C-alpha atoms as a PDB file:
ATOM      1  CA  MET A   1       4.367 -17.883  17.322  1.00  0.00           C
ATOM      2  CA  VAL A   2       3.775 -14.218  16.548  1.00  0.00           C
ATOM      3  CA  ASN A   3       2.552 -13.113  13.111  1.00  0.00           C
ATOM      4  CA  GLU A   4       4.916 -10.878  11.178  1.00  0.00           C
ATOM      5  CA  ILE A   5       4.337  -7.850   8.992  1.00  0.00           C
ATOM      6  CA  THR A   6       7.424  -7.692   6.803  1.00  0.00           C
ATOM      7  CA  VAL A   7       8.515  -4.055   6.343  1.00  0.00           C
ATOM      8  CA  GLN A   8      11.151  -2.152   4.424  1.00  0.00           C
ATOM      9  CA  TYR A   9      11.862   1.518   3.826  1.00  0.00           C
ATOM     10  CA  HIS A  10      12.119   2.891   0.307  1.00  0.00           C
ATOM     11  CA  SER A  11      13.497   6.294  -0.701  1.00  0.00           C
ATOM     12  CA  THR A  12      11.590   7.851  -3.614  1.00  0.00           C
ATOM     13  CA  SER A  13      11.176  11.194  -5.348  1.00  0.00           C
ATOM     14  CA  VAL A  14       8.169  11.885  -3.069  1.00  0.00           C
ATOM     15  CA  GLY A  15       9.886  10.984   0.186  1.00  0.00           C
ATOM     16  CA  GLU A  16      10.804   7.964   2.254  1.00  0.00           C
ATOM     17  CA  LEU A  17       8.090   5.318   2.319  1.00  0.00           C
ATOM     18  CA  ILE A  18       7.469   2.303   4.507  1.00  0.00           C
ATOM     19  CA  ILE A  19       6.246  -0.764   2.637  1.00  0.00           C
ATOM     20  CA  GLY A  20       4.722  -3.714   4.480  1.00  0.00           C
ATOM     21  CA  SER A  21       3.454  -7.130   3.472  1.00  0.00           C
ATOM     22  CA  TYR A  22       1.508  -9.757   5.328  1.00  0.00           C
ATOM     23  CA  ASP A  23       0.570 -13.220   4.112  1.00  0.00           C
ATOM     24  CA  GLY A  24       1.489 -12.487   0.484  1.00  0.00           C
ATOM     25  CA  GLN A  25      -0.398  -9.187   0.307  1.00  0.00           C
ATOM     26  CA  LEU A  26       0.545  -5.524   0.575  1.00  0.00           C
ATOM     27  CA  CYS A  27      -0.893  -4.052   3.775  1.00  0.00           C
ATOM     28  CA  LEU A  28       1.230  -0.905   4.075  1.00  0.00           C
ATOM     29  CA  LEU A  29       2.632   1.684   1.673  1.00  0.00           C
ATOM     30  CA  ASP A  30       2.863   4.962   3.452  1.00  0.00           C
ATOM     31  CA  PHE A  31       5.009   7.971   4.199  1.00  0.00           C
ATOM     32  CA  ARG A  32       7.530   7.110   6.898  1.00  0.00           C
ATOM     33  CA  TYR A  33       7.296  10.461   8.666  1.00  0.00           C
ATOM     34  CA  ARG A  34       3.584  11.300   8.464  1.00  0.00           C
ATOM     35  CA  LYS A  35       1.627  12.529  11.486  1.00  0.00           C
ATOM     36  CA  LEU A  36      -0.613   9.455  11.705  1.00  0.00           C
ATOM     37  CA  ARG A  37       2.273   6.963  11.398  1.00  0.00           C
ATOM     38  CA  LYS A  38       1.850   5.489  14.891  1.00  0.00           C
ATOM     39  CA  SER A  39      -1.942   5.140  14.735  1.00  0.00           C
ATOM     40  CA  ILE A  40      -1.821   3.433  11.317  1.00  0.00           C
ATOM     41  CA  ASP A  41       0.977   1.089  12.404  1.00  0.00           C
ATOM     42  CA  ASP A  42      -0.850   0.294  15.648  1.00  0.00           C
ATOM     43  CA  ARG A  43      -4.086  -0.487  13.747  1.00  0.00           C
ATOM     44  CA  LEU A  44      -2.243  -2.924  11.479  1.00  0.00           C
ATOM     45  CA  LYS A  45      -0.399  -4.618  14.344  1.00  0.00           C
ATOM     46  CA  LYS A  46      -3.567  -4.953  16.442  1.00  0.00           C
ATOM     47  CA  ASN A  47      -5.896  -6.184  13.694  1.00  0.00           C
ATOM     48  CA  LEU A  48      -3.361  -8.631  12.255  1.00  0.00           C
ATOM     49  CA  GLN A  49      -2.040  -9.581  15.713  1.00  0.00           C
ATOM     50  CA  ALA A  50       1.438  -9.090  14.323  1.00  0.00           C
ATOM     51  CA  VAL A  51       4.724  -7.284  14.825  1.00  0.00           C
ATOM     52  CA  PHE A  52       6.839  -5.398  12.295  1.00  0.00           C
ATOM     53  CA  VAL A  53       9.971  -7.241  11.170  1.00  0.00           C
ATOM     54  CA  GLU A  54      12.380  -5.440   8.881  1.00  0.00           C
ATOM     55  CA  LYS A  55      13.198  -7.721   5.960  1.00  0.00           C
ATOM     56  CA  THR A  56      12.042  -8.150   2.377  1.00  0.00           C
ATOM     57  CA  SER A  57       9.391 -10.192   0.589  1.00  0.00           C
ATOM     58  CA  ASP A  58       8.341 -10.811  -2.993  1.00  0.00           C
ATOM     59  CA  ILE A  59       5.404  -8.412  -2.498  1.00  0.00           C
ATOM     60  CA  ILE A  60       7.710  -5.660  -1.221  1.00  0.00           C
ATOM     61  CA  LYS A  61      10.105  -6.167  -4.164  1.00  0.00           C
ATOM     62  CA  GLU A  62       7.240  -6.023  -6.681  1.00  0.00           C
ATOM     63  CA  THR A  63       5.716  -2.975  -4.951  1.00  0.00           C
ATOM     64  CA  LYS A  64       9.041  -1.107  -5.177  1.00  0.00           C
ATOM     65  CA  LYS A  65       9.340  -1.999  -8.863  1.00  0.00           C
ATOM     66  CA  GLN A  66       5.785  -0.894  -9.728  1.00  0.00           C
ATOM     67  CA  LEU A  67       6.004   2.222  -7.533  1.00  0.00           C
ATOM     68  CA  ASP A  68       9.259   3.339  -9.152  1.00  0.00           C
ATOM     69  CA  ALA A  69       7.702   2.822 -12.606  1.00  0.00           C
ATOM     70  CA  TYR A  70       4.660   4.891 -11.539  1.00  0.00           C
ATOM     71  CA  LEU A  71       6.840   7.702 -10.182  1.00  0.00           C
ATOM     72  CA  SER A  72       8.811   7.813 -13.440  1.00  0.00           C
ATOM     73  CA  GLY A  73       5.555   8.060 -15.441  1.00  0.00           C
ATOM     74  CA  ASP A  74       5.864   4.569 -16.930  1.00  0.00           C
ATOM     75  CA  ARG A  75       2.969   2.952 -15.012  1.00  0.00           C
ATOM     76  CA  LYS A  76      -0.605   4.163 -14.545  1.00  0.00           C
ATOM     77  CA  SER A  77      -2.062   1.308 -12.491  1.00  0.00           C
ATOM     78  CA  PHE A  78      -0.877  -1.337 -10.063  1.00  0.00           C
ATOM     79  CA  ASP A  79      -1.473  -5.058  -9.838  1.00  0.00           C
ATOM     80  CA  ILE A  80      -0.383  -5.862  -6.318  1.00  0.00           C
ATOM     81  CA  PRO A  81      -2.604  -7.990  -4.051  1.00  0.00           C
ATOM     82  CA  LEU A  82      -3.877  -5.687  -1.298  1.00  0.00           C
ATOM     83  CA  LEU A  83      -4.885  -6.417   2.274  1.00  0.00           C
ATOM     84  CA  LEU A  84      -7.139  -3.624   3.542  1.00  0.00           C
ATOM     85  CA  VAL A  85      -7.019  -3.428   7.329  1.00  0.00           C
ATOM     86  CA  GLY A  86      -9.715  -1.235   8.872  1.00  0.00           C
ATOM     87  CA  SER A  87     -13.416  -0.928   9.601  1.00  0.00           C
ATOM     88  CA  GLU A  88     -16.020  -1.955   7.040  1.00  0.00           C
ATOM     89  CA  PHE A  89     -16.732   1.737   6.360  1.00  0.00           C
ATOM     90  CA  GLN A  90     -13.028   2.478   5.811  1.00  0.00           C
ATOM     91  CA  LYS A  91     -12.712  -0.476   3.432  1.00  0.00           C
ATOM     92  CA  GLN A  92     -15.749   0.763   1.500  1.00  0.00           C
ATOM     93  CA  VAL A  93     -14.127   4.187   1.092  1.00  0.00           C
ATOM     94  CA  TRP A  94     -10.739   2.705   0.141  1.00  0.00           C
ATOM     95  CA  LYS A  95     -12.365   0.495  -2.505  1.00  0.00           C
ATOM     96  CA  ALA A  96     -14.151   3.567  -3.918  1.00  0.00           C
ATOM     97  CA  LEU A  97     -10.812   5.410  -4.059  1.00  0.00           C
ATOM     98  CA  GLN A  98      -9.380   2.638  -6.231  1.00  0.00           C
ATOM     99  CA  ASN A  99     -11.957   3.490  -8.909  1.00  0.00           C
ATOM    100  CA  ILE A 100     -10.759   7.085  -9.367  1.00  0.00           C
ATOM    101  CA  PRO A 101      -9.144   7.165 -12.822  1.00  0.00           C
ATOM    102  CA  TYR A 102      -5.474   8.044 -13.195  1.00  0.00           C
ATOM    103  CA  GLY A 103      -4.979  11.760 -13.775  1.00  0.00           C
ATOM    104  CA  THR A 104      -8.371  12.825 -12.403  1.00  0.00           C
ATOM    105  CA  THR A 105      -9.621  14.205  -9.122  1.00  0.00           C
ATOM    106  CA  ILE A 106     -12.892  13.946  -7.235  1.00  0.00           C
ATOM    107  CA  THR A 107     -14.187  15.413  -3.978  1.00  0.00           C
ATOM    108  CA  TYR A 108     -14.909  13.857  -0.602  1.00  0.00           C
ATOM    109  CA  GLN A 109     -18.573  14.577  -1.378  1.00  0.00           C
ATOM    110  CA  ASP A 110     -18.258  12.553  -4.609  1.00  0.00           C
ATOM    111  CA  ILE A 111     -16.908   9.590  -2.638  1.00  0.00           C
ATOM    112  CA  ALA A 112     -19.765   9.905  -0.121  1.00  0.00           C
ATOM    113  CA  TYR A 113     -22.250   9.723  -3.005  1.00  0.00           C
ATOM    114  CA  THR A 114     -20.376   6.803  -4.561  1.00  0.00           C
ATOM    115  CA  ILE A 115     -20.761   4.752  -1.384  1.00  0.00           C
ATOM    116  CA  ASN A 116     -24.435   5.801  -1.051  1.00  0.00           C
ATOM    117  CA  ASN A 117     -23.828   7.746   2.136  1.00  0.00           C
ATOM    118  CA  GLU A 118     -23.979  11.395   1.008  1.00  0.00           C
ATOM    119  CA  LYS A 119     -24.072  12.755   4.582  1.00  0.00           C
ATOM    120  CA  ALA A 120     -20.799  11.031   5.501  1.00  0.00           C
ATOM    121  CA  VAL A 121     -18.419  13.574   3.978  1.00  0.00           C
ATOM    122  CA  ARG A 122     -16.422  14.045   7.187  1.00  0.00           C
ATOM    123  CA  ALA A 123     -16.255  10.302   7.819  1.00  0.00           C
ATOM    124  CA  VAL A 124     -15.062   9.828   4.232  1.00  0.00           C
ATOM    125  CA  ALA A 125     -12.322  12.408   4.833  1.00  0.00           C
ATOM    126  CA  LEU A 126     -11.250  10.608   8.022  1.00  0.00           C
ATOM    127  CA  ALA A 127     -11.204   7.226   6.251  1.00  0.00           C
ATOM    128  CA  ASN A 128      -9.207   8.817   3.435  1.00  0.00           C
ATOM    129  CA  GLY A 129      -6.664  10.058   5.982  1.00  0.00           C
ATOM    130  CA  ALA A 130      -6.454   6.598   7.589  1.00  0.00           C
ATOM    131  CA  ASN A 131      -5.507   4.947   4.282  1.00  0.00           C
ATOM    132  CA  ALA A 132      -2.418   2.789   4.900  1.00  0.00           C
ATOM    133  CA  ILE A 133      -1.719   2.112   1.212  1.00  0.00           C
ATOM    134  CA  ALA A 134      -0.887   5.502  -0.298  1.00  0.00           C
ATOM    135  CA  ILE A 135      -0.519   6.013  -4.054  1.00  0.00           C
ATOM    136  CA  ILE A 136      -1.850   2.540  -4.951  1.00  0.00           C
ATOM    137  CA  ILE A 137      -5.101   3.438  -3.173  1.00  0.00           C
ATOM    138  CA  PRO A 138      -5.020   6.950  -4.648  1.00  0.00           C
ATOM    139  CA  CYS A 139      -6.223   9.160  -1.806  1.00  0.00           C
ATOM    140  CA  HIS A 140      -4.085  11.915  -3.387  1.00  0.00           C
ATOM    141  CA  ARG A 141      -6.789  12.217  -6.075  1.00  0.00           C
ATOM    142  CA  VAL A 142      -9.371  13.482  -3.561  1.00  0.00           C
ATOM    143  CA  ILE A 143      -9.729  17.248  -3.234  1.00  0.00           C
ATOM    144  CA  GLY A 144     -11.974  19.641  -1.338  1.00  0.00           C
ATOM    145  CA  SER A 145     -15.392  20.673  -2.694  1.00  0.00           C
ATOM    146  CA  ASN A 146     -13.926  24.117  -3.412  1.00  0.00           C
ATOM    147  CA  GLY A 147     -11.351  22.522  -5.747  1.00  0.00           C
ATOM    148  CA  LYS A 148      -8.455  23.113  -3.343  1.00  0.00           C
ATOM    149  CA  LEU A 149      -5.937  20.513  -2.284  1.00  0.00           C
ATOM    150  CA  THR A 150      -6.641  19.315   1.238  1.00  0.00           C
ATOM    151  CA  GLY A 151      -4.656  17.245   3.723  1.00  0.00           C
ATOM    152  CA  TYR A 152      -2.427  14.405   2.624  1.00  0.00           C
ATOM    153  CA  GLY A 153      -0.210  12.013   4.597  1.00  0.00           C
ATOM    154  CA  GLY A 154       2.822  12.962   2.534  1.00  0.00           C
ATOM    155  CA  GLY A 155       1.984  16.680   2.725  1.00  0.00           C
ATOM    156  CA  ILE A 156       0.193  19.004   0.298  1.00  0.00           C
ATOM    157  CA  SER A 157       3.359  19.528  -1.779  1.00  0.00           C
ATOM    158  CA  VAL A 158       3.630  15.757  -2.406  1.00  0.00           C
ATOM    159  CA  LYS A 159      -0.081  15.550  -3.256  1.00  0.00           C
ATOM    160  CA  LYS A 160       0.395  18.333  -5.790  1.00  0.00           C
ATOM    161  CA  LYS A 161       3.493  16.619  -7.210  1.00  0.00           C
ATOM    162  CA  LEU A 162       1.591  13.323  -7.697  1.00  0.00           C
ATOM    163  CA  LEU A 163      -1.328  15.061  -9.422  1.00  0.00           C
ATOM    164  CA  ILE A 164       1.042  16.991 -11.720  1.00  0.00           C
ATOM    165  CA  LEU A 165       2.912  13.755 -12.511  1.00  0.00           C
ATOM    166  CA  GLU A 166      -0.329  12.020 -13.504  1.00  0.00           C
ATOM    167  CA  LYS A 167      -1.600  14.910 -15.628  1.00  0.00           C
ATOM    168  CA  ALA A 168       1.779  15.111 -17.409  1.00  0.00           C
ATOM    169  CA  HIS A 169       1.627  11.430 -18.368  1.00  0.00           C
ATOM    170  CA  LEU A 170      -1.921  11.354 -19.721  1.00  0.00           C
ATOM    171  CA  PRO A 171      -2.092  10.642 -23.450  1.00  0.00           C
ATOM    172  CA  PRO A 172      -3.101  13.625 -25.626  1.00  0.00           C
ATOM    173  CA  GLY A 173      -6.850  14.079 -25.293  1.00  0.00           C
ATOM    174  CA  GLY A 174      -7.022  12.221 -21.959  1.00  0.00           C
ATOM    175  CA  LEU A 175      -6.704   8.683 -20.688  1.00  0.00           C
ATOM    176  CA  PHE A 176      -9.603   7.267 -22.687  1.00  0.00           C
ATOM    177  CA  ASN A 177      -8.771   8.817 -26.070  1.00  0.00           C
ATOM    178  CA  SER A 178      -5.527   7.006 -26.778  1.00  0.00           C
END
């Protein structure tokens, strides 16, 4: 018997997304038409020894619900069980990304310091780009050291849109002064 990664497509205000679950956990939430689509899908299939099967699951339904609430400004965090599929270094970076507060940005250099590997800025950027769970693992909150928006799987315009959305839904005085 072959393992299955259950997948569905979901149209949103930031583009069409592919959502995937495996063994009761979210393993994929990504832009359907991004450049790295094949390499991310192949990594998931290989590491989980699974194939994509288009159908739904409770995790996919809950992800859609929470994602739609986030995109409408009604949700600031997610509580979906995640399955991170990648190298130990990638997982370390992705876990660090999850600690970036809603409505804020940090640099790749900041992430490198956070994981106690300050010389690994380029590797951090590559791990950021290999993130298979966009938005929930908020790689859109990482910017260049010069303060400029840098690459994003959904495109720079989507990254900007997500950051503007978050800033617009912060309470007056910031997230921690409510």
